[in-house]
Every structure is written in C-alpha cells, then in structure tokens.
Amino acid sequence: MPRFIIQRTWDDLDEQALEEAGARSKRIAIERYPDISWEHSHVVMDPDGSVKSFCVYSAPEPTVLQRHADDLGQHHVDIILEIAGDISPNDFPT
C-alpha cells in the first residue's frame, strides 16, 4: 500500500489539546477509514511559533487522507506527498 507524509499546520493548541487531537485522529481513522494506517508523527514548532506535524500514513490514495483530515479539523493540511522510500545512516556503511 502506498505511504504518504502529511504536513499539517495546527490551530493554536497546547500540549493537552494536541494529545486529544492525536487520540481523536486515531479514533476517526479506526471508525471511518479502516483502510488507512497511521505510522507515526513528528511535531515541531516553526520559527513563527506555529505547531506543525509531519505524519506518516499508509493509504490507498491521498484523497482518503484529506477526508480524514477534514473530519479531524483544528488544522490545515499544507501538503500530502507520496513517500518514495526510506533511508537511514545504517544504509551507508562507513
């Protein structure tokens, strides 16, 4: 199944609200979008103080991920990109 990374910009959220959004995202995926799988996310703060996340999902197509994001609310999807592959330092022997 294709894998995607979603860059999101969140509304003004504190740590507790972000945890609640994560739990809600997982619940919505399980209940309404059983064909997607949330792998993990990286949450960052950009230079202007906006909370962003980079979320990795498996999904049949990006439109399903956009519908999931629309149902979740409290954020804007900046971009959804298909992942071409993964690399790590272990892939490059010294």
C-alpha atoms as a PDB file:
ATOM      1  CA  MET A   1       0.000   0.000   0.000  1.00  0.00           C
ATOM      2  CA  PRO A   2       1.358   3.486  -0.760  1.00  0.00           C
ATOM      3  CA  ARG A   3       2.746   5.563   2.092  1.00  0.00           C
ATOM      4  CA  PHE A   4       2.321   9.309   2.446  1.00  0.00           C
ATOM      5  CA  ILE A   5       3.650  12.140   4.584  1.00  0.00           C
ATOM      6  CA  ILE A   6       1.217  14.885   5.523  1.00  0.00           C
ATOM      7  CA  GLN A   7       2.436  18.315   6.605  1.00  0.00           C
ATOM      8  CA  ARG A   8      -0.164  19.959   8.828  1.00  0.00           C
ATOM      9  CA  THR A   9      -0.357  23.371  10.492  1.00  0.00           C
ATOM     10  CA  TRP A  10      -2.403  23.216  13.671  1.00  0.00           C
ATOM     11  CA  ASP A  11      -4.688  25.809  15.154  1.00  0.00           C
ATOM     12  CA  ASP A  12      -3.482  27.270  18.433  1.00  0.00           C
ATOM     13  CA  LEU A  13      -3.048  24.093  20.510  1.00  0.00           C
ATOM     14  CA  ASP A  14      -1.414  23.485  23.853  1.00  0.00           C
ATOM     15  CA  GLU A  15       0.150  20.130  24.737  1.00  0.00           C
ATOM     16  CA  GLN A  16      -3.066  18.656  26.145  1.00  0.00           C
ATOM     17  CA  ALA A  17      -5.127  19.732  23.122  1.00  0.00           C
ATOM     18  CA  LEU A  18      -2.520  18.210  20.807  1.00  0.00           C
ATOM     19  CA  GLU A  19      -2.721  14.894  22.684  1.00  0.00           C
ATOM     20  CA  GLU A  20      -6.511  14.994  22.413  1.00  0.00           C
ATOM     21  CA  ALA A  21      -6.253  15.684  18.673  1.00  0.00           C
ATOM     22  CA  GLY A  22      -3.944  12.678  18.275  1.00  0.00           C
ATOM     23  CA  ALA A  23      -6.375  10.407  20.107  1.00  0.00           C
ATOM     24  CA  ARG A  24      -9.285  11.775  18.054  1.00  0.00           C
ATOM     25  CA  SER A  25      -7.310  11.259  14.828  1.00  0.00           C
ATOM     26  CA  LYS A  26      -6.669   7.627  15.708  1.00  0.00           C
ATOM     27  CA  ARG A  27     -10.313   7.037  16.664  1.00  0.00           C
ATOM     28  CA  ILE A  28     -11.616   8.637  13.443  1.00  0.00           C
ATOM     29  CA  ALA A  29      -9.246   6.501  11.372  1.00  0.00           C
ATOM     30  CA  ILE A  30     -10.357   3.288  13.081  1.00  0.00           C
ATOM     31  CA  GLU A  31     -14.075   4.098  12.924  1.00  0.00           C
ATOM     32  CA  ARG A  32     -14.382   5.742   9.492  1.00  0.00           C
ATOM     33  CA  TYR A  33     -11.239   4.988   7.495  1.00  0.00           C
ATOM     34  CA  PRO A  34     -10.163   1.393   8.202  1.00  0.00           C
ATOM     35  CA  ASP A  35      -8.093   1.353   5.006  1.00  0.00           C
ATOM     36  CA  ILE A  36      -5.569   3.868   6.366  1.00  0.00           C
ATOM     37  CA  SER A  37      -2.868   3.249   8.951  1.00  0.00           C
ATOM     38  CA  TRP A  38      -1.131   5.963  10.982  1.00  0.00           C
ATOM     39  CA  GLU A  39       2.540   5.016  11.425  1.00  0.00           C
ATOM     40  CA  HIS A  40       3.951   7.965  13.368  1.00  0.00           C
ATOM     41  CA  SER A  41       4.225  11.747  13.505  1.00  0.00           C
ATOM     42  CA  HIS A  42       6.841  14.371  14.239  1.00  0.00           C
ATOM     43  CA  VAL A  43       5.501  17.522  15.913  1.00  0.00           C
ATOM     44  CA  VAL A  44       7.536  20.710  15.501  1.00  0.00           C
ATOM     45  CA  MET A  45       7.238  24.413  16.100  1.00  0.00           C
ATOM     46  CA  ASP A  46       8.154  26.620  13.163  1.00  0.00           C
ATOM     47  CA  PRO A  47      10.043  29.916  13.568  1.00  0.00           C
ATOM     48  CA  ASP A  48       6.833  31.948  13.947  1.00  0.00           C
ATOM     49  CA  GLY A  49       5.570  29.667  16.747  1.00  0.00           C
ATOM     50  CA  SER A  50       3.028  27.663  14.728  1.00  0.00           C
ATOM     51  CA  VAL A  51       2.687  23.997  15.639  1.00  0.00           C
ATOM     52  CA  LYS A  52       3.205  21.718  12.634  1.00  0.00           C
ATOM     53  CA  SER A  53       3.185  17.973  12.306  1.00  0.00           C
ATOM     54  CA  PHE A  54       4.615  15.617   9.742  1.00  0.00           C
ATOM     55  CA  CYS A  55       2.514  12.467   9.820  1.00  0.00           C
ATOM     56  CA  VAL A  56       3.270   9.206   8.026  1.00  0.00           C
ATOM     57  CA  TYR A  57       0.319   7.113   6.879  1.00  0.00           C
ATOM     58  CA  SER A  58      -0.325   4.122   4.667  1.00  0.00           C
ATOM     59  CA  ALA A  59      -3.378   4.708   2.499  1.00  0.00           C
ATOM     60  CA  PRO A  60      -4.787   3.638  -0.851  1.00  0.00           C
ATOM     61  CA  GLU A  61      -4.751   7.253  -2.108  1.00  0.00           C
ATOM     62  CA  PRO A  62      -4.187  10.794  -0.798  1.00  0.00           C
ATOM     63  CA  THR A  63      -7.853  11.805  -1.100  1.00  0.00           C
ATOM     64  CA  VAL A  64      -8.724   9.400   1.730  1.00  0.00           C
ATOM     65  CA  LEU A  65      -6.154  11.120   3.933  1.00  0.00           C
ATOM     66  CA  GLN A  66      -7.598  14.534   3.059  1.00  0.00           C
ATOM     67  CA  ARG A  67     -11.094  13.364   4.033  1.00  0.00           C
ATOM     68  CA  HIS A  68      -9.725  12.018   7.323  1.00  0.00           C
ATOM     69  CA  ALA A  69      -8.019  15.383   7.969  1.00  0.00           C
ATOM     70  CA  ASP A  70     -11.221  17.275   7.143  1.00  0.00           C
ATOM     71  CA  ASP A  71     -13.111  15.143   9.685  1.00  0.00           C
ATOM     72  CA  LEU A  72     -10.418  15.756  12.290  1.00  0.00           C
ATOM     73  CA  GLY A  73     -10.477  19.558  11.953  1.00  0.00           C
ATOM     74  CA  GLN A  74      -8.414  22.008  14.047  1.00  0.00           C
ATOM     75  CA  HIS A  75      -5.699  22.185  11.416  1.00  0.00           C
ATOM     76  CA  HIS A  76      -4.819  22.891   7.807  1.00  0.00           C
ATOM     77  CA  VAL A  77      -3.213  20.314   5.521  1.00  0.00           C
ATOM     78  CA  ASP A  78      -0.275  22.063   3.882  1.00  0.00           C
ATOM     79  CA  ILE A  79       0.656  19.189   1.572  1.00  0.00           C
ATOM     80  CA  ILE A  80       0.340  15.419   1.147  1.00  0.00           C
ATOM     81  CA  LEU A  81       3.274  13.718  -0.559  1.00  0.00           C
ATOM     82  CA  GLU A  82       3.761  10.080  -1.503  1.00  0.00           C
ATOM     83  CA  ILE A  83       6.859   8.561   0.102  1.00  0.00           C
ATOM     84  CA  ALA A  84       9.265   7.174  -2.498  1.00  0.00           C
ATOM     85  CA  GLY A  85      11.397   5.294   0.047  1.00  0.00           C
ATOM     86  CA  ASP A  86      13.199   5.432   3.365  1.00  0.00           C
ATOM     87  CA  ILE A  87      16.881   5.671   4.210  1.00  0.00           C
ATOM     88  CA  SER A  88      18.840   5.844   7.442  1.00  0.00           C
ATOM     89  CA  PRO A  89      22.508   6.139   8.384  1.00  0.00           C
ATOM     90  CA  ASN A  90      22.603   2.356   8.754  1.00  0.00           C
ATOM     91  CA  ASP A  91      22.069   2.078   4.995  1.00  0.00           C
ATOM     92  CA  PHE A  92      25.501   3.624   4.391  1.00  0.00           C
ATOM     93  CA  PRO A  93      28.381   1.657   5.869  1.00  0.00           C
ATOM     94  CA  THR A  94      31.456   3.615   6.925  1.00  0.00           C
END
